[in-house]
Amino acid sequence: MARVTIDDGKVNALSPDLLARLDDAFSRAEADGVVVVLSGRAGVFSAGFDLPTLRAGGAEAAAMLRAGFELAERILSFPAPVVISCTGHAVAMGVFLLLSGDYRIGVAGPYKITANEVAIGLTLPGAAVEICRQRLSPAHFNRATVIAEVFSPHDAVEAGFLDRVVGEAVIDDAAGAVAARLAQLDRAAHAATKLRVRKPALEAIRDAIQRDSESYSAQAG
């Protein structure tokens, strides 16, 4: 098992550097053929993309956006099981990574789980729409995307963001126990079935990433 922790000492903003390091961690886990537990720091899984980079625009922002959604797509199609330990707030790109895991455990508490783009004046990227569509219930999908509803961890289970909520004191053990159980699955069958089940979603996400990237690049130029 590989434990990968997002921790920038603040709100776990997904900067180009952090995204590159996460991608490298998944490359090493794939090479080792192990189950991955992806977690955040206490109180926050991730607050989304790095806002200074995003607001600056240009080529770097476009590359960061593409890298974030390509990481989500990679997790969705990862050949070994991926457990997400949502240790607190999950916002915007943090939510899209959360929705990409095979099993998602959240910590109970006053935490926000939300795709907040519409609330802050951003049009939701096409790749984000497809990531949400493949996991959220139809009614919650519209509420989460079109009106940027904020969900508590317990409400997030019903919506489809999370599979289970546990206390803060036991979330690491709970995630490890799930990872140990998933490690017993037949790996080839798991990987092939994952790709078969998620084929329509993965194709839609990959197409959306390309369209989004072309749009961002045109704006940057």
Protein backbone atom coordinates (compact mmCIF):
# COMPACT_ATOMS: atom_id res chain seq x y z
CA MET A 1 0.00 0.00 0.00
CA ALA A 2 1.16 3.52 -0.83
CA ARG A 3 -0.01 6.40 1.33
CA VAL A 4 0.07 9.69 -0.57
CA THR A 5 -0.62 12.80 1.51
CA ILE A 6 -1.42 16.25 0.15
CA ASP A 7 0.03 18.73 2.63
CA ASP A 8 1.29 22.19 1.74
CA GLY A 9 0.92 23.39 5.32
CA LYS A 10 -2.06 25.55 4.34
CA VAL A 11 -5.17 24.62 2.33
CA ASN A 12 -3.55 22.11 -0.04
CA ALA A 13 -3.85 24.33 -3.09
CA LEU A 14 -3.15 22.30 -6.21
CA SER A 15 -0.30 24.25 -7.78
CA PRO A 16 1.58 23.07 -10.87
CA ASP A 17 4.40 21.80 -8.65
CA LEU A 18 2.08 19.93 -6.29
CA LEU A 19 0.18 18.36 -9.19
CA ALA A 20 3.46 17.19 -10.71
CA ARG A 21 4.51 15.63 -7.40
CA LEU A 22 1.15 13.86 -7.05
CA ASP A 23 1.43 12.52 -10.57
CA ASP A 24 4.93 11.25 -9.78
CA ALA A 25 3.64 9.54 -6.62
CA PHE A 26 1.00 7.73 -8.66
CA SER A 27 3.65 6.72 -11.21
CA ARG A 28 5.71 5.14 -8.45
CA ALA A 29 2.66 3.40 -6.99
CA GLU A 30 1.73 2.07 -10.43
CA ALA A 31 5.25 0.77 -10.96
CA ASP A 32 5.06 -0.98 -7.58
CA GLY A 33 1.60 -2.35 -8.29
CA VAL A 34 0.14 -1.24 -4.96
CA VAL A 35 -3.15 0.11 -3.67
CA VAL A 36 -3.10 3.88 -3.04
CA VAL A 37 -4.56 5.81 -0.12
CA LEU A 38 -4.72 9.50 -1.04
CA SER A 39 -5.37 11.85 1.87
CA GLY A 40 -5.11 15.51 2.85
CA ARG A 41 -3.87 17.25 5.95
CA ALA A 42 -6.04 17.53 9.07
CA GLY A 43 -9.02 19.73 8.32
CA VAL A 44 -8.63 19.96 4.57
CA PHE A 45 -8.36 17.51 1.70
CA SER A 46 -7.85 20.24 -0.89
CA ALA A 47 -9.26 23.70 -1.55
CA GLY A 48 -8.73 23.31 -5.29
CA PHE A 49 -6.41 24.92 -7.78
CA ASP A 50 -3.81 27.46 -6.72
CA LEU A 51 -5.71 30.75 -7.06
CA PRO A 52 -2.75 33.10 -7.74
CA THR A 53 -1.76 30.93 -10.71
CA LEU A 54 -5.36 30.66 -11.87
CA ARG A 55 -5.98 34.40 -11.63
CA ALA A 56 -2.75 35.22 -13.44
CA GLY A 57 -4.05 33.31 -16.46
CA GLY A 58 -1.83 32.58 -19.40
CA ALA A 59 -0.08 29.39 -20.40
CA GLU A 60 0.82 28.34 -16.85
CA ALA A 61 -2.81 28.49 -15.71
CA ALA A 62 -3.93 26.54 -18.76
CA ALA A 63 -1.28 23.88 -18.11
CA MET A 64 -2.27 23.67 -14.43
CA LEU A 65 -5.93 23.14 -15.29
CA ARG A 66 -5.09 20.40 -17.76
CA ALA A 67 -2.73 18.70 -15.28
CA GLY A 68 -5.41 18.69 -12.59
CA PHE A 69 -8.04 17.03 -14.73
CA GLU A 70 -5.54 14.60 -16.25
CA LEU A 71 -4.63 13.54 -12.71
CA ALA A 72 -8.33 12.95 -11.94
CA GLU A 73 -8.68 10.90 -15.12
CA ARG A 74 -5.58 8.94 -14.17
CA ILE A 75 -7.03 8.11 -10.76
CA LEU A 76 -10.34 7.06 -12.31
CA SER A 77 -8.52 4.62 -14.60
CA PHE A 78 -5.70 3.63 -12.22
CA PRO A 79 -4.94 -0.11 -12.48
CA ALA A 80 -4.93 -0.62 -8.69
CA PRO A 81 -7.64 0.42 -6.22
CA VAL A 82 -7.50 4.01 -4.97
CA VAL A 83 -8.95 4.96 -1.58
CA ILE A 84 -9.54 8.65 -0.86
CA SER A 85 -9.32 9.82 2.73
CA CYS A 86 -11.16 13.15 2.73
CA THR A 87 -9.72 14.71 5.87
CA GLY A 88 -11.79 17.91 5.82
CA HIS A 89 -12.85 20.51 3.28
CA ALA A 90 -12.91 19.48 -0.38
CA VAL A 91 -13.54 22.34 -2.79
CA ALA A 92 -13.49 22.70 -6.58
CA MET A 93 -10.60 20.62 -7.99
CA GLY A 94 -10.32 18.98 -4.57
CA VAL A 95 -13.85 17.65 -5.07
CA PHE A 96 -13.04 16.39 -8.55
CA LEU A 97 -10.10 14.40 -7.21
CA LEU A 98 -12.35 13.09 -4.43
CA LEU A 99 -14.90 11.90 -6.99
CA SER A 100 -12.18 9.99 -8.85
CA GLY A 101 -11.35 7.47 -6.13
CA ASP A 102 -12.71 3.93 -5.97
CA TYR A 103 -13.72 4.26 -2.32
CA ARG A 104 -14.05 7.58 -0.50
CA ILE A 105 -14.05 8.00 3.27
CA GLY A 106 -14.79 11.40 4.80
CA VAL A 107 -14.16 12.72 8.27
CA ALA A 108 -17.14 13.92 10.32
CA GLY A 109 -17.10 17.59 11.23
CA PRO A 110 -18.03 21.12 10.09
CA TYR A 111 -16.47 20.63 6.68
CA LYS A 112 -17.59 21.81 3.24
CA ILE A 113 -17.69 19.61 0.16
CA THR A 114 -18.53 21.69 -2.87
CA ALA A 115 -17.86 22.47 -6.51
CA ASN A 116 -18.02 26.21 -5.89
CA GLU A 117 -17.15 27.51 -9.36
CA VAL A 118 -20.55 29.07 -10.11
CA ALA A 119 -20.57 30.76 -6.69
CA ILE A 120 -17.27 32.53 -7.44
CA GLY A 121 -18.06 33.50 -11.02
CA LEU A 122 -16.49 30.66 -12.98
CA THR A 123 -18.09 28.43 -15.58
CA LEU A 124 -17.58 24.81 -14.63
CA PRO A 125 -15.06 23.15 -16.99
CA GLY A 126 -16.43 20.39 -19.18
CA ALA A 127 -14.12 17.83 -17.60
CA ALA A 128 -15.44 18.76 -14.15
CA VAL A 129 -19.02 18.30 -15.35
CA GLU A 130 -18.24 14.79 -16.62
CA ILE A 131 -16.39 13.82 -13.42
CA CYS A 132 -19.38 14.91 -11.36
CA ARG A 133 -21.86 13.24 -13.71
CA GLN A 134 -20.25 9.81 -13.37
CA ARG A 135 -20.57 9.68 -9.57
CA LEU A 136 -23.31 11.95 -8.23
CA SER A 137 -27.01 11.09 -8.11
CA PRO A 138 -28.98 12.94 -10.83
CA ALA A 139 -30.74 15.35 -8.45
CA HIS A 140 -27.56 16.10 -6.51
CA PHE A 141 -25.55 16.41 -9.74
CA ASN A 142 -27.63 19.40 -10.79
CA ARG A 143 -27.56 20.96 -7.33
CA ALA A 144 -23.81 20.45 -7.02
CA THR A 145 -22.91 21.86 -10.43
CA VAL A 146 -25.57 24.38 -11.47
CA ILE A 147 -26.14 26.07 -8.08
CA ALA A 148 -22.84 25.19 -6.34
CA GLU A 149 -24.55 23.65 -3.32
CA VAL A 150 -22.38 23.07 -0.26
CA PHE A 151 -22.65 19.62 1.33
CA SER A 152 -21.70 18.51 4.82
CA PRO A 153 -19.78 15.21 5.01
CA HIS A 154 -22.92 13.30 6.03
CA ASP A 155 -25.04 14.85 3.26
CA ALA A 156 -22.19 14.16 0.85
CA VAL A 157 -22.74 10.41 1.29
CA GLU A 158 -26.30 10.62 -0.01
CA ALA A 159 -25.20 12.90 -2.84
CA GLY A 160 -22.44 10.51 -3.95
CA PHE A 161 -19.33 12.47 -3.03
CA LEU A 162 -18.46 10.03 -0.25
CA ASP A 163 -19.09 6.37 0.50
CA ARG A 164 -18.75 6.63 4.27
CA VAL A 165 -18.07 9.09 7.10
CA VAL A 166 -16.04 8.29 10.23
CA GLY A 167 -14.62 10.16 13.20
CA GLU A 168 -11.37 12.09 12.87
CA ALA A 169 -9.59 9.80 15.31
CA VAL A 170 -10.15 6.71 13.19
CA ILE A 171 -10.05 7.94 9.60
CA ASP A 172 -6.47 6.79 8.96
CA ASP A 173 -7.20 3.32 10.30
CA ALA A 174 -10.49 3.15 8.39
CA ALA A 175 -8.81 4.08 5.11
CA GLY A 176 -6.04 1.56 5.74
CA ALA A 177 -8.56 -1.18 6.45
CA VAL A 178 -10.43 -0.49 3.22
CA ALA A 179 -7.16 -0.46 1.29
CA ALA A 180 -6.16 -3.80 2.81
CA ARG A 181 -9.51 -5.29 1.80
CA LEU A 182 -9.30 -3.93 -1.74
CA ALA A 183 -5.75 -5.26 -2.04
CA GLN A 184 -7.26 -8.77 -1.91
CA LEU A 185 -9.19 -8.20 -5.16
CA ASP A 186 -7.91 -9.90 -8.27
CA ARG A 187 -5.86 -7.06 -9.71
CA ALA A 188 -6.31 -7.90 -13.39
CA ALA A 189 -10.07 -8.33 -12.98
CA HIS A 190 -10.31 -5.11 -11.00
CA ALA A 191 -8.41 -3.09 -13.61
CA ALA A 192 -10.31 -4.52 -16.57
CA THR A 193 -13.70 -4.14 -14.91
CA LYS A 194 -12.93 -0.57 -13.84
CA LEU A 195 -12.14 0.38 -17.43
CA ARG A 196 -15.25 -1.40 -18.72
CA VAL A 197 -17.58 0.18 -16.17
CA ARG A 198 -16.11 3.67 -16.58
CA LYS A 199 -15.49 3.59 -20.33
CA PRO A 200 -18.25 6.09 -21.27
CA ALA A 201 -17.23 8.46 -18.46
CA LEU A 202 -13.52 8.22 -19.24
CA GLU A 203 -14.10 8.88 -22.93
CA ALA A 204 -16.28 11.89 -22.10
CA ILE A 205 -13.72 13.21 -19.61
CA ARG A 206 -10.82 12.83 -22.05
CA ASP A 207 -12.76 14.60 -24.80
CA ALA A 208 -13.71 17.38 -22.38
CA ILE A 209 -10.10 17.80 -21.22
CA GLN A 210 -9.05 18.34 -24.82
CA ARG A 211 -11.85 20.82 -25.50
CA ASP A 212 -11.17 22.68 -22.27
CA SER A 213 -7.46 22.78 -23.02
CA GLU A 214 -8.05 24.21 -26.48
CA SER A 215 -10.33 26.87 -25.00
CA TYR A 216 -7.85 27.79 -22.24
CA SER A 217 -4.97 27.91 -24.71
CA ALA A 218 -6.92 30.20 -27.03
CA GLN A 219 -7.69 32.53 -24.12
CA ALA A 220 -4.05 32.44 -22.97
CA GLY A 221 -2.88 33.31 -26.46
